[in-house]
């Protein structure tokens, strides 16, 4: 589990120069399919490590739940869902809604105007996140899913 968390962190830091294009969403999606509820250990170690690298600011609280939301979506969609197209649709929608989900601490800390302005100002990045998630999942889902399935056995 620690190794899988480290892979998330390496993927996130390694692609951080790209605006909202990342592999973390796809990896959490696949980790959830393979490891089911154990994925939450992976997610929280990853989020803790991010806090150690970037600091534990207000941004960090969003990460405590936002990746868990993705895991819960995958858990609800069923273990057998292995369609590349469906994966791209789910991850595209997740990328599009990321800013809204991430703005929740800002709604709580600063009120309606702060949360809403934070969310709206990030919509261009949500569009990039959506497109990036779709592209990454279309290209990488099958090979990564196959590899992780073999490694688990």
Protein backbone atom coordinates (compact mmCIF):
# COMPACT_ATOMS: atom_id res chain seq x y z
CA UNK A 1 0.00 0.00 0.00
CA UNK A 2 2.87 2.37 0.80
CA UNK A 3 4.47 1.65 -2.57
CA UNK A 4 1.21 2.44 -4.38
CA UNK A 5 0.93 5.70 -2.42
CA UNK A 6 4.48 6.57 -3.46
CA UNK A 7 3.57 5.93 -7.10
CA UNK A 8 0.67 8.38 -6.73
CA UNK A 9 2.99 10.99 -5.27
CA UNK A 10 5.64 10.48 -7.96
CA UNK A 11 2.97 10.73 -10.65
CA UNK A 12 1.54 13.89 -9.12
CA UNK A 13 4.88 15.63 -8.57
CA UNK A 14 6.26 14.43 -11.91
CA UNK A 15 3.36 15.92 -13.85
CA UNK A 16 2.89 19.04 -11.71
CA UNK A 17 4.26 21.29 -14.44
CA UNK A 18 1.15 20.50 -16.53
CA UNK A 19 -1.95 22.51 -15.55
CA UNK A 20 -4.45 20.00 -14.08
CA UNK A 21 -3.27 17.15 -16.26
CA UNK A 22 -2.37 14.27 -14.00
CA UNK A 23 -2.37 10.51 -13.61
CA UNK A 24 -3.54 10.42 -9.99
CA UNK A 25 -7.24 10.20 -10.87
CA UNK A 26 -6.68 7.22 -13.16
CA UNK A 27 -4.44 5.46 -10.65
CA UNK A 28 -6.95 5.93 -7.82
CA UNK A 29 -9.66 4.66 -10.16
CA UNK A 30 -7.66 1.50 -10.93
CA UNK A 31 -6.46 1.05 -7.34
CA UNK A 32 -10.09 1.13 -6.23
CA UNK A 33 -11.08 -1.49 -8.79
CA UNK A 34 -8.29 -3.81 -7.70
CA UNK A 35 -8.03 -3.19 -3.94
CA UNK A 36 -11.61 -2.08 -3.22
CA UNK A 37 -11.95 -0.46 0.25
CA UNK A 38 -8.23 -0.83 0.97
CA UNK A 39 -7.72 2.07 -1.44
CA UNK A 40 -8.49 4.50 1.36
CA UNK A 41 -5.20 3.58 3.06
CA UNK A 42 -3.38 4.41 -0.18
CA UNK A 43 -5.25 7.69 -0.58
CA UNK A 44 -4.61 8.96 2.95
CA UNK A 45 -0.91 8.09 2.89
CA UNK A 46 -0.67 9.94 -0.43
CA UNK A 47 -2.48 13.00 0.94
CA UNK A 48 -0.31 13.00 4.07
CA UNK A 49 2.84 12.87 1.92
CA UNK A 50 1.56 15.77 -0.18
CA UNK A 51 1.09 17.76 3.01
CA UNK A 52 4.65 16.94 4.05
CA UNK A 53 5.97 18.23 0.71
CA UNK A 54 3.72 21.24 0.07
CA UNK A 55 2.61 22.14 3.61
CA UNK A 56 -0.68 21.63 5.43
CA UNK A 57 -2.68 24.65 4.28
CA UNK A 58 -6.38 25.06 3.57
CA UNK A 59 -5.84 23.36 0.20
CA UNK A 60 -4.86 20.16 2.01
CA UNK A 61 -8.26 19.67 3.66
CA UNK A 62 -9.90 19.37 0.24
CA UNK A 63 -7.57 16.54 -0.65
CA UNK A 64 -8.61 14.63 2.46
CA UNK A 65 -12.03 13.97 0.95
CA UNK A 66 -11.81 14.70 -2.76
CA UNK A 67 -9.88 11.55 -3.70
CA UNK A 68 -12.18 9.52 -1.46
CA UNK A 69 -15.15 10.82 -3.46
CA UNK A 70 -13.58 9.33 -6.60
CA UNK A 71 -12.99 6.01 -4.81
CA UNK A 72 -16.62 5.95 -3.65
CA UNK A 73 -17.81 6.61 -7.22
CA UNK A 74 -15.74 3.67 -8.46
CA UNK A 75 -16.94 1.42 -5.63
CA UNK A 76 -20.53 2.24 -6.59
CA UNK A 77 -19.92 1.63 -10.30
CA UNK A 78 -18.99 -2.00 -9.69
CA UNK A 79 -15.85 -4.07 -9.79
CA UNK A 80 -16.47 -5.51 -13.24
CA UNK A 81 -16.67 -2.16 -15.05
CA UNK A 82 -13.57 -2.29 -17.27
CA UNK A 83 -14.76 -0.32 -20.29
CA UNK A 84 -12.21 2.25 -21.40
CA UNK A 85 -14.99 4.53 -22.65
CA UNK A 86 -16.91 4.35 -19.36
CA UNK A 87 -13.70 5.00 -17.44
CA UNK A 88 -13.01 8.06 -19.62
CA UNK A 89 -16.56 9.34 -19.05
CA UNK A 90 -16.38 8.88 -15.27
CA UNK A 91 -12.93 10.46 -15.00
CA UNK A 92 -13.88 13.29 -17.37
CA UNK A 93 -16.94 14.11 -15.25
CA UNK A 94 -14.82 13.86 -12.11
CA UNK A 95 -12.25 16.28 -13.56
CA UNK A 96 -15.02 18.69 -14.51
CA UNK A 97 -16.50 18.61 -11.00
CA UNK A 98 -13.14 18.67 -9.19
CA UNK A 99 -13.17 22.44 -8.63
CA UNK A 100 -16.67 22.44 -7.23
CA UNK A 101 -15.83 19.61 -4.83
CA UNK A 102 -12.53 21.21 -3.91
CA UNK A 103 -14.19 24.56 -3.16
CA UNK A 104 -16.14 23.17 -0.19
CA UNK A 105 -13.53 24.17 2.44
CA UNK A 106 -13.52 27.68 0.95
CA UNK A 107 -17.31 27.87 1.30
CA UNK A 108 -16.92 26.85 4.95
CA UNK A 109 -13.92 29.07 5.74
CA UNK A 110 -14.88 32.18 3.78
CA UNK A 111 -18.59 31.97 3.11
CA UNK A 112 -20.71 31.76 -0.01
CA UNK A 113 -18.94 34.51 -1.98
CA UNK A 114 -15.46 33.14 -1.31
CA UNK A 115 -16.38 29.57 -2.18
CA UNK A 116 -18.31 30.52 -5.29
CA UNK A 117 -15.61 32.85 -6.62
CA UNK A 118 -12.95 30.22 -5.93
CA UNK A 119 -14.95 27.61 -7.85
CA UNK A 120 -15.83 29.86 -10.81
CA UNK A 121 -12.26 31.16 -11.20
CA UNK A 122 -11.07 27.56 -11.50
CA UNK A 123 -13.48 26.47 -14.25
CA UNK A 124 -10.85 26.78 -17.03
CA UNK A 125 -8.62 24.43 -15.03
CA UNK A 126 -11.55 22.05 -14.51
CA UNK A 127 -12.00 21.93 -18.28
CA UNK A 128 -8.30 21.07 -18.67
CA UNK A 129 -8.64 18.50 -15.88
CA UNK A 130 -11.60 16.92 -17.69
CA UNK A 131 -9.76 16.76 -21.02
CA UNK A 132 -6.59 15.49 -19.38
CA UNK A 133 -8.43 12.75 -17.48
CA UNK A 134 -10.19 11.61 -20.65
CA UNK A 135 -6.95 11.54 -22.66
CA UNK A 136 -4.92 9.81 -19.94
CA UNK A 137 -7.61 7.20 -19.35
CA UNK A 138 -8.04 6.46 -23.06
CA UNK A 139 -4.30 5.95 -23.45
CA UNK A 140 -3.27 4.37 -20.14
CA UNK A 141 -6.28 2.58 -18.62
CA UNK A 142 -5.91 -0.83 -20.28
CA UNK A 143 -2.14 -1.24 -19.80
CA UNK A 144 -2.19 0.01 -16.19
CA UNK A 145 -5.26 -2.06 -15.25
CA UNK A 146 -3.71 -5.19 -16.77
CA UNK A 147 -0.38 -4.57 -15.03
CA UNK A 148 -1.91 -3.94 -11.62
CA UNK A 149 -4.18 -6.97 -11.96
CA UNK A 150 -1.14 -9.17 -12.70
CA UNK A 151 0.89 -7.66 -9.86
CA UNK A 152 -1.91 -8.31 -7.38
CA UNK A 153 -1.94 -12.02 -8.25
